[in-house]
Amino acid sequence: MAVEFPALVLCWLSAEKLGCKLASAGSMIIVGIICCLAVILPEGIIRLVCVTIGKFFGTITFTLSYIWSTAMFPTFFRSRGLGLLSMVSRIGGISVPMLLLLDEIWVGLSLLVIGILSSIGGVLCCFLPETMKQAFTSDRTRR
């Protein structure tokens, strides 16, 4: 809770000023960099601070995904799209314990995989449309 509340405040401010596209892509890339950085840091307070910052930006990413997706989907598909997004995010959450088994192969491999996937997701967000200051669409095309 100590990390989530400030992250939600920054999420709101960054979405208002930068738009969901830049805020989401930026926070995903930051999470990716921090996860990869945490692999090479020694265990201790520095690694803990690094992972906490990653959690901070992960909260921003997770929150913005719901806000941005509802603005991107047309009205006839909005509830289905949001349901699909929720289902996929839950599948990701369910797969985390399996992902942690990668640490038996090499300590830090799970963080490296999460970091790489998050960075790829952040780059792919750059190809999605920006919805800042645009009206919700009721048809299949953006205006």
N, C-alpha and C. Protein backbone atom coordinates (compact mmCIF):
# COMPACT_ATOMS: atom_id res chain seq x y z
N MET A 1 0.81 -1.19 0.00
CA MET A 1 0.00 0.00 0.00
C MET A 1 0.86 1.26 0.00
N ALA A 2 2.03 1.16 0.59
CA ALA A 2 2.91 2.32 0.65
C ALA A 2 3.44 2.70 -0.72
N VAL A 3 3.47 1.75 -1.64
CA VAL A 3 3.96 2.03 -2.99
C VAL A 3 2.80 2.33 -3.93
N GLU A 4 1.67 1.69 -3.71
CA GLU A 4 0.56 1.81 -4.65
C GLU A 4 -0.06 3.20 -4.68
N PHE A 5 -0.29 3.81 -3.52
CA PHE A 5 -0.95 5.11 -3.51
C PHE A 5 -0.15 6.19 -4.24
N PRO A 6 1.15 6.36 -3.96
CA PRO A 6 1.91 7.34 -4.74
C PRO A 6 1.97 6.99 -6.23
N ALA A 7 1.99 5.69 -6.54
CA ALA A 7 2.01 5.28 -7.94
C ALA A 7 0.71 5.65 -8.63
N LEU A 8 -0.41 5.51 -7.95
CA LEU A 8 -1.69 5.88 -8.54
C LEU A 8 -1.80 7.39 -8.75
N VAL A 9 -1.23 8.16 -7.85
CA VAL A 9 -1.22 9.62 -8.02
C VAL A 9 -0.38 9.99 -9.25
N LEU A 10 0.82 9.40 -9.36
CA LEU A 10 1.66 9.67 -10.53
C LEU A 10 1.01 9.14 -11.81
N CYS A 11 0.30 8.04 -11.71
CA CYS A 11 -0.42 7.48 -12.86
C CYS A 11 -1.43 8.49 -13.39
N TRP A 12 -2.21 9.05 -12.48
CA TRP A 12 -3.22 10.03 -12.87
C TRP A 12 -2.57 11.26 -13.49
N LEU A 13 -1.52 11.78 -12.84
CA LEU A 13 -0.84 12.98 -13.35
C LEU A 13 -0.19 12.73 -14.71
N SER A 14 0.48 11.59 -14.85
CA SER A 14 1.16 11.31 -16.11
C SER A 14 0.17 11.04 -17.24
N ALA A 15 -0.95 10.41 -16.94
CA ALA A 15 -1.97 10.19 -17.97
C ALA A 15 -2.59 11.50 -18.41
N GLU A 16 -2.77 12.43 -17.48
CA GLU A 16 -3.34 13.74 -17.81
C GLU A 16 -2.37 14.59 -18.63
N LYS A 17 -1.10 14.57 -18.28
CA LYS A 17 -0.12 15.45 -18.93
C LYS A 17 0.51 14.83 -20.16
N LEU A 18 0.85 13.53 -20.11
CA LEU A 18 1.57 12.88 -21.19
C LEU A 18 0.68 12.05 -22.11
N GLY A 19 -0.45 11.63 -21.60
CA GLY A 19 -1.30 10.70 -22.34
C GLY A 19 -0.99 9.27 -21.92
N CYS A 20 -1.97 8.42 -22.12
CA CYS A 20 -1.81 7.03 -21.68
C CYS A 20 -0.74 6.29 -22.46
N LYS A 21 -0.59 6.61 -23.73
CA LYS A 21 0.38 5.90 -24.56
C LYS A 21 1.80 6.10 -24.04
N LEU A 22 2.22 7.32 -23.86
CA LEU A 22 3.58 7.60 -23.41
C LEU A 22 3.79 7.15 -21.97
N ALA A 23 2.80 7.38 -21.12
CA ALA A 23 2.93 6.98 -19.71
C ALA A 23 3.00 5.46 -19.58
N SER A 24 2.18 4.75 -20.33
CA SER A 24 2.18 3.29 -20.25
C SER A 24 3.45 2.70 -20.84
N ALA A 25 3.83 3.16 -22.02
CA ALA A 25 5.05 2.64 -22.64
C ALA A 25 6.27 2.96 -21.80
N GLY A 26 6.33 4.17 -21.28
CA GLY A 26 7.47 4.56 -20.45
C GLY A 26 7.56 3.75 -19.18
N SER A 27 6.43 3.54 -18.51
CA SER A 27 6.48 2.78 -17.26
C SER A 27 6.80 1.31 -17.51
N MET A 28 6.34 0.74 -18.62
CA MET A 28 6.68 -0.65 -18.93
C MET A 28 8.17 -0.79 -19.22
N ILE A 29 8.73 0.15 -19.94
CA ILE A 29 10.16 0.10 -20.24
C ILE A 29 10.98 0.29 -18.97
N ILE A 30 10.54 1.18 -18.09
CA ILE A 30 11.24 1.36 -16.81
C ILE A 30 11.19 0.08 -15.98
N VAL A 31 10.03 -0.58 -15.94
CA VAL A 31 9.93 -1.85 -15.22
C VAL A 31 10.90 -2.87 -15.81
N GLY A 32 10.98 -2.93 -17.12
CA GLY A 32 11.89 -3.86 -17.77
C GLY A 32 13.35 -3.59 -17.43
N ILE A 33 13.72 -2.33 -17.46
CA ILE A 33 15.10 -1.97 -17.13
C ILE A 33 15.41 -2.29 -15.68
N ILE A 34 14.48 -1.99 -14.78
CA ILE A 34 14.70 -2.23 -13.36
C ILE A 34 14.79 -3.72 -13.06
N CYS A 35 13.95 -4.53 -13.70
CA CYS A 35 14.02 -5.98 -13.48
C CYS A 35 15.36 -6.52 -13.96
N CYS A 36 15.83 -6.07 -15.11
CA CYS A 36 17.13 -6.52 -15.62
C CYS A 36 18.26 -6.02 -14.73
N LEU A 37 18.12 -4.81 -14.21
CA LEU A 37 19.13 -4.26 -13.32
C LEU A 37 19.18 -5.01 -11.99
N ALA A 38 18.01 -5.43 -11.50
CA ALA A 38 17.95 -6.16 -10.23
C ALA A 38 18.68 -7.50 -10.29
N VAL A 39 18.82 -8.04 -11.50
CA VAL A 39 19.52 -9.32 -11.65
C VAL A 39 21.00 -9.17 -11.30
N ILE A 40 21.60 -8.05 -11.67
CA ILE A 40 23.05 -7.89 -11.46
C ILE A 40 23.39 -7.24 -10.12
N LEU A 41 22.39 -6.68 -9.43
CA LEU A 41 22.66 -6.05 -8.13
C LEU A 41 22.82 -7.10 -7.05
N PRO A 42 23.70 -6.87 -6.09
CA PRO A 42 23.82 -7.81 -4.98
C PRO A 42 22.59 -7.71 -4.07
N GLU A 43 22.30 -8.81 -3.37
CA GLU A 43 21.17 -8.79 -2.45
C GLU A 43 21.44 -7.81 -1.33
N GLY A 44 20.41 -7.10 -0.93
CA GLY A 44 20.55 -6.10 0.12
C GLY A 44 19.60 -4.96 -0.10
N ILE A 45 19.87 -3.86 0.55
CA ILE A 45 18.97 -2.71 0.53
C ILE A 45 18.89 -2.08 -0.86
N ILE A 46 20.00 -2.09 -1.60
CA ILE A 46 19.99 -1.48 -2.94
C ILE A 46 19.06 -2.25 -3.87
N ARG A 47 19.12 -3.56 -3.80
CA ARG A 47 18.25 -4.39 -4.63
C ARG A 47 16.80 -4.22 -4.20
N LEU A 48 16.56 -4.12 -2.91
CA LEU A 48 15.20 -3.93 -2.40
C LEU A 48 14.61 -2.61 -2.89
N VAL A 49 15.40 -1.55 -2.86
CA VAL A 49 14.93 -0.26 -3.36
C VAL A 49 14.65 -0.34 -4.86
N CYS A 50 15.51 -1.01 -5.58
CA CYS A 50 15.34 -1.17 -7.03
C CYS A 50 14.04 -1.92 -7.35
N VAL A 51 13.79 -3.01 -6.65
CA VAL A 51 12.58 -3.79 -6.88
C VAL A 51 11.34 -3.02 -6.45
N THR A 52 11.44 -2.22 -5.40
CA THR A 52 10.31 -1.39 -4.97
C THR A 52 9.97 -0.34 -6.02
N ILE A 53 10.97 0.24 -6.63
CA ILE A 53 10.74 1.19 -7.72
C ILE A 53 10.08 0.48 -8.90
N GLY A 54 10.51 -0.75 -9.16
CA GLY A 54 9.88 -1.56 -10.20
C GLY A 54 8.41 -1.82 -9.90
N LYS A 55 8.10 -2.12 -8.65
CA LYS A 55 6.71 -2.32 -8.23
C LYS A 55 5.90 -1.04 -8.42
N PHE A 56 6.51 0.10 -8.12
CA PHE A 56 5.87 1.41 -8.30
C PHE A 56 5.44 1.59 -9.75
N PHE A 57 6.37 1.39 -10.67
CA PHE A 57 6.05 1.58 -12.09
C PHE A 57 5.18 0.46 -12.64
N GLY A 58 5.26 -0.73 -12.05
CA GLY A 58 4.36 -1.81 -12.43
C GLY A 58 2.91 -1.50 -12.09
N THR A 59 2.70 -0.84 -10.96
CA THR A 59 1.36 -0.41 -10.57
C THR A 59 0.81 0.60 -11.57
N ILE A 60 1.67 1.50 -12.02
CA ILE A 60 1.25 2.48 -13.03
C ILE A 60 0.85 1.77 -14.32
N THR A 61 1.66 0.82 -14.74
CA THR A 61 1.38 0.08 -15.97
C THR A 61 0.06 -0.66 -15.88
N PHE A 62 -0.14 -1.37 -14.77
CA PHE A 62 -1.37 -2.15 -14.59
C PHE A 62 -2.60 -1.25 -14.58
N THR A 63 -2.53 -0.13 -13.90
CA THR A 63 -3.67 0.78 -13.82
C THR A 63 -3.97 1.41 -15.18
N LEU A 64 -2.93 1.84 -15.86
CA LEU A 64 -3.13 2.49 -17.16
C LEU A 64 -3.67 1.52 -18.21
N SER A 65 -3.39 0.23 -18.07
CA SER A 65 -3.88 -0.72 -19.06
C SER A 65 -5.41 -0.73 -19.09
N TYR A 66 -6.04 -0.61 -17.94
CA TYR A 66 -7.51 -0.58 -17.90
C TYR A 66 -8.06 0.74 -18.41
N ILE A 67 -7.43 1.83 -18.06
CA ILE A 67 -7.90 3.15 -18.51
C ILE A 67 -7.75 3.29 -20.01
N TRP A 68 -6.58 2.93 -20.52
CA TRP A 68 -6.27 3.10 -21.93
C TRP A 68 -7.10 2.17 -22.80
N SER A 69 -7.28 0.93 -22.36
CA SER A 69 -8.01 -0.03 -23.20
C SER A 69 -9.48 0.35 -23.35
N THR A 70 -10.10 0.87 -22.31
CA THR A 70 -11.49 1.27 -22.46
C THR A 70 -11.64 2.44 -23.43
N ALA A 71 -10.64 3.27 -23.53
CA ALA A 71 -10.70 4.38 -24.48
C ALA A 71 -10.38 3.93 -25.90
N MET A 72 -9.62 2.85 -26.03
CA MET A 72 -9.24 2.38 -27.37
C MET A 72 -10.32 1.57 -28.06
N PHE A 73 -11.05 0.77 -27.30
CA PHE A 73 -12.03 -0.12 -27.91
C PHE A 73 -13.29 0.64 -28.29
N PRO A 74 -13.88 0.30 -29.45
CA PRO A 74 -15.18 0.91 -29.80
C PRO A 74 -16.27 0.40 -28.85
N THR A 75 -17.36 1.11 -28.79
CA THR A 75 -18.42 0.83 -27.82
C THR A 75 -18.92 -0.61 -27.89
N PHE A 76 -19.16 -1.12 -29.08
CA PHE A 76 -19.74 -2.46 -29.21
C PHE A 76 -18.80 -3.55 -28.70
N PHE A 77 -17.51 -3.26 -28.59
CA PHE A 77 -16.53 -4.26 -28.16
C PHE A 77 -15.90 -3.92 -26.82
N ARG A 78 -16.24 -2.78 -26.24
CA ARG A 78 -15.55 -2.28 -25.05
C ARG A 78 -15.63 -3.25 -23.87
N SER A 79 -16.79 -3.75 -23.56
CA SER A 79 -16.91 -4.66 -22.40
C SER A 79 -16.21 -5.98 -22.67
N ARG A 80 -16.30 -6.49 -23.90
CA ARG A 80 -15.61 -7.73 -24.24
C ARG A 80 -14.09 -7.54 -24.22
N GLY A 81 -13.65 -6.43 -24.74
CA GLY A 81 -12.22 -6.14 -24.75
C GLY A 81 -11.65 -5.99 -23.35
N LEU A 82 -12.39 -5.32 -22.49
CA LEU A 82 -11.95 -5.16 -21.10
C LEU A 82 -11.95 -6.51 -20.38
N GLY A 83 -12.95 -7.33 -20.67
CA GLY A 83 -12.98 -8.68 -20.09
C GLY A 83 -11.81 -9.52 -20.57
N LEU A 84 -11.48 -9.42 -21.85
CA LEU A 84 -10.34 -10.15 -22.39
C LEU A 84 -9.04 -9.67 -21.76
N LEU A 85 -8.90 -8.37 -21.60
CA LEU A 85 -7.71 -7.81 -20.95
C LEU A 85 -7.59 -8.30 -19.51
N SER A 86 -8.70 -8.32 -18.80
CA SER A 86 -8.69 -8.80 -17.43
C SER A 86 -8.32 -10.27 -17.36
N MET A 87 -8.84 -11.07 -18.29
CA MET A 87 -8.53 -12.49 -18.30
C MET A 87 -7.04 -12.74 -18.59
N VAL A 88 -6.51 -12.03 -19.56
CA VAL A 88 -5.10 -12.20 -19.91
C VAL A 88 -4.20 -11.74 -18.76
N SER A 89 -4.57 -10.68 -18.08
CA SER A 89 -3.75 -10.23 -16.95
C SER A 89 -3.79 -11.24 -15.81
N ARG A 90 -4.93 -11.89 -15.61
CA ARG A 90 -5.02 -12.93 -14.58
C ARG A 90 -4.20 -14.15 -14.96
N ILE A 91 -4.17 -14.49 -16.24
CA ILE A 91 -3.33 -15.60 -16.69
C ILE A 91 -1.88 -15.29 -16.42
N GLY A 92 -1.49 -14.04 -16.65
CA GLY A 92 -0.12 -13.63 -16.33
C GLY A 92 0.18 -13.76 -14.85
N GLY A 93 -0.77 -13.38 -14.01
CA GLY A 93 -0.59 -13.50 -12.57
C GLY A 93 -0.52 -14.95 -12.11
N ILE A 94 -1.31 -15.80 -12.75
CA ILE A 94 -1.29 -17.22 -12.40
C ILE A 94 0.02 -17.88 -12.81
N SER A 95 0.62 -17.39 -13.89
CA SER A 95 1.85 -18.02 -14.39
C SER A 95 3.11 -17.60 -13.64
N VAL A 96 3.01 -16.60 -12.77
CA VAL A 96 4.20 -16.13 -12.04
C VAL A 96 4.84 -17.22 -11.18
N PRO A 97 4.07 -18.04 -10.44
CA PRO A 97 4.76 -19.11 -9.68
C PRO A 97 5.54 -20.07 -10.58
N MET A 98 5.03 -20.34 -11.76
CA MET A 98 5.76 -21.20 -12.69
C MET A 98 7.02 -20.50 -13.20
N LEU A 99 6.90 -19.20 -13.40
CA LEU A 99 8.04 -18.42 -13.86
C LEU A 99 9.15 -18.40 -12.82
N LEU A 100 8.77 -18.41 -11.55
CA LEU A 100 9.78 -18.41 -10.48
C LEU A 100 10.58 -19.70 -10.46
N LEU A 101 10.06 -20.76 -11.06
CA LEU A 101 10.82 -22.01 -11.14
C LEU A 101 12.06 -21.86 -12.02
N LEU A 102 12.09 -20.83 -12.86
CA LEU A 102 13.28 -20.58 -13.69
C LEU A 102 14.50 -20.25 -12.85
N ASP A 103 14.26 -19.77 -11.62
CA ASP A 103 15.39 -19.46 -10.73
C ASP A 103 16.16 -20.70 -10.32
N GLU A 104 15.57 -21.89 -10.48
CA GLU A 104 16.29 -23.12 -10.20
C GLU A 104 17.34 -23.39 -11.27
N ILE A 105 17.11 -22.89 -12.48
CA ILE A 105 18.09 -23.03 -13.56
C ILE A 105 19.22 -22.04 -13.37
N TRP A 106 18.85 -20.77 -13.15
CA TRP A 106 19.83 -19.71 -12.90
C TRP A 106 19.15 -18.64 -12.06
N VAL A 107 19.76 -18.28 -10.94
CA VAL A 107 19.17 -17.28 -10.05
C VAL A 107 19.09 -15.95 -10.80
N GLY A 108 17.91 -15.41 -10.86
CA GLY A 108 17.71 -14.14 -11.56
C GLY A 108 17.09 -14.31 -12.94
N LEU A 109 16.95 -15.55 -13.41
CA LEU A 109 16.40 -15.77 -14.75
C LEU A 109 14.94 -15.31 -14.83
N SER A 110 14.18 -15.50 -13.76
CA SER A 110 12.78 -15.06 -13.78
C SER A 110 12.68 -13.55 -13.90
N LEU A 111 13.52 -12.82 -13.17
CA LEU A 111 13.51 -11.36 -13.28
C LEU A 111 13.95 -10.91 -14.67
N LEU A 112 14.90 -11.62 -15.25
CA LEU A 112 15.37 -11.29 -16.59
C LEU A 112 14.26 -11.50 -17.63
N VAL A 113 13.53 -12.59 -17.51
CA VAL A 113 12.43 -12.85 -18.43
C VAL A 113 11.34 -11.79 -18.28
N ILE A 114 10.98 -11.46 -17.05
CA ILE A 114 9.97 -10.42 -16.81
C ILE A 114 10.45 -9.08 -17.36
N GLY A 115 11.73 -8.76 -17.16
CA GLY A 115 12.28 -7.51 -17.66
C GLY A 115 12.27 -7.42 -19.17
N ILE A 116 12.65 -8.50 -19.83
CA ILE A 116 12.66 -8.51 -21.30
C ILE A 116 11.24 -8.41 -21.85
N LEU A 117 10.31 -9.18 -21.28
CA LEU A 117 8.92 -9.13 -21.76
C LEU A 117 8.29 -7.76 -21.51
N SER A 118 8.59 -7.15 -20.39
CA SER A 118 8.06 -5.83 -20.09
C SER A 118 8.62 -4.78 -21.05
N SER A 119 9.89 -4.87 -21.35
CA SER A 119 10.50 -3.92 -22.30
C SER A 119 9.91 -4.09 -23.70
N ILE A 120 9.72 -5.33 -24.12
CA ILE A 120 9.10 -5.58 -25.42
C ILE A 120 7.68 -5.02 -25.45
N GLY A 121 6.92 -5.24 -24.36
CA GLY A 121 5.57 -4.70 -24.28
C GLY A 121 5.55 -3.18 -24.34
N GLY A 122 6.52 -2.54 -23.68
CA GLY A 122 6.60 -1.09 -23.72
C GLY A 122 6.88 -0.56 -25.12
N VAL A 123 7.76 -1.24 -25.84
CA VAL A 123 8.04 -0.82 -27.21
C VAL A 123 6.81 -1.04 -28.10
N LEU A 124 6.12 -2.17 -27.91
CA LEU A 124 4.92 -2.43 -28.72
C LEU A 124 3.80 -1.45 -28.43
N CYS A 125 3.75 -0.91 -27.22
CA CYS A 125 2.74 0.11 -26.89
C CYS A 125 2.89 1.35 -27.76
N CYS A 126 4.08 1.61 -28.21
CA CYS A 126 4.32 2.79 -29.04
C CYS A 126 3.58 2.71 -30.38
N PHE A 127 3.18 1.52 -30.78
CA PHE A 127 2.47 1.35 -32.05
C PHE A 127 0.95 1.45 -31.90
N LEU A 128 0.46 1.53 -30.67
CA LEU A 128 -0.97 1.66 -30.44
C LEU A 128 -1.38 3.13 -30.51
N PRO A 129 -2.65 3.40 -30.78
CA PRO A 129 -3.08 4.80 -30.91
C PRO A 129 -3.16 5.52 -29.56
N GLU A 130 -2.90 6.81 -29.59
CA GLU A 130 -3.05 7.65 -28.39
C GLU A 130 -4.51 8.05 -28.29
N THR A 131 -5.04 8.02 -27.09
CA THR A 131 -6.45 8.34 -26.89
C THR A 131 -6.65 9.64 -26.12
N MET A 132 -5.57 10.35 -25.85
CA MET A 132 -5.66 11.58 -25.06
C MET A 132 -6.47 12.64 -25.80
N LYS A 133 -7.44 13.20 -25.10
CA LYS A 133 -8.29 14.27 -25.62
C LYS A 133 -9.07 13.85 -26.87
N GLN A 134 -9.43 12.57 -26.94
CA GLN A 134 -10.25 12.08 -28.04
C GLN A 134 -11.53 11.52 -27.46
N ALA A 135 -12.61 11.71 -28.17
CA ALA A 135 -13.90 11.20 -27.72
C ALA A 135 -13.94 9.68 -27.88
N PHE A 136 -14.72 9.03 -27.03
CA PHE A 136 -14.93 7.60 -27.18
C PHE A 136 -15.64 7.36 -28.50
N THR A 137 -15.25 6.31 -29.19
CA THR A 137 -15.87 6.01 -30.48
C THR A 137 -17.03 5.05 -30.27
N SER A 138 -18.03 5.20 -31.12
CA SER A 138 -19.16 4.27 -31.08
C SER A 138 -19.15 3.37 -32.32
N ASP A 139 -18.18 3.59 -33.22
CA ASP A 139 -18.07 2.73 -34.38
C ASP A 139 -16.71 2.05 -34.41
N ARG A 140 -16.39 1.40 -35.50
CA ARG A 140 -15.17 0.61 -35.55
C ARG A 140 -13.93 1.41 -35.93
N THR A 141 -14.06 2.65 -36.30
CA THR A 141 -12.91 3.44 -36.72
C THR A 141 -12.72 4.61 -35.77
N ARG A 142 -11.46 5.01 -35.61
CA ARG A 142 -11.16 6.20 -34.80
C ARG A 142 -11.44 7.44 -35.64
N ARG A 143 -11.88 8.49 -35.01
CA ARG A 143 -12.14 9.73 -35.75
C ARG A 143 -10.95 10.63 -35.70
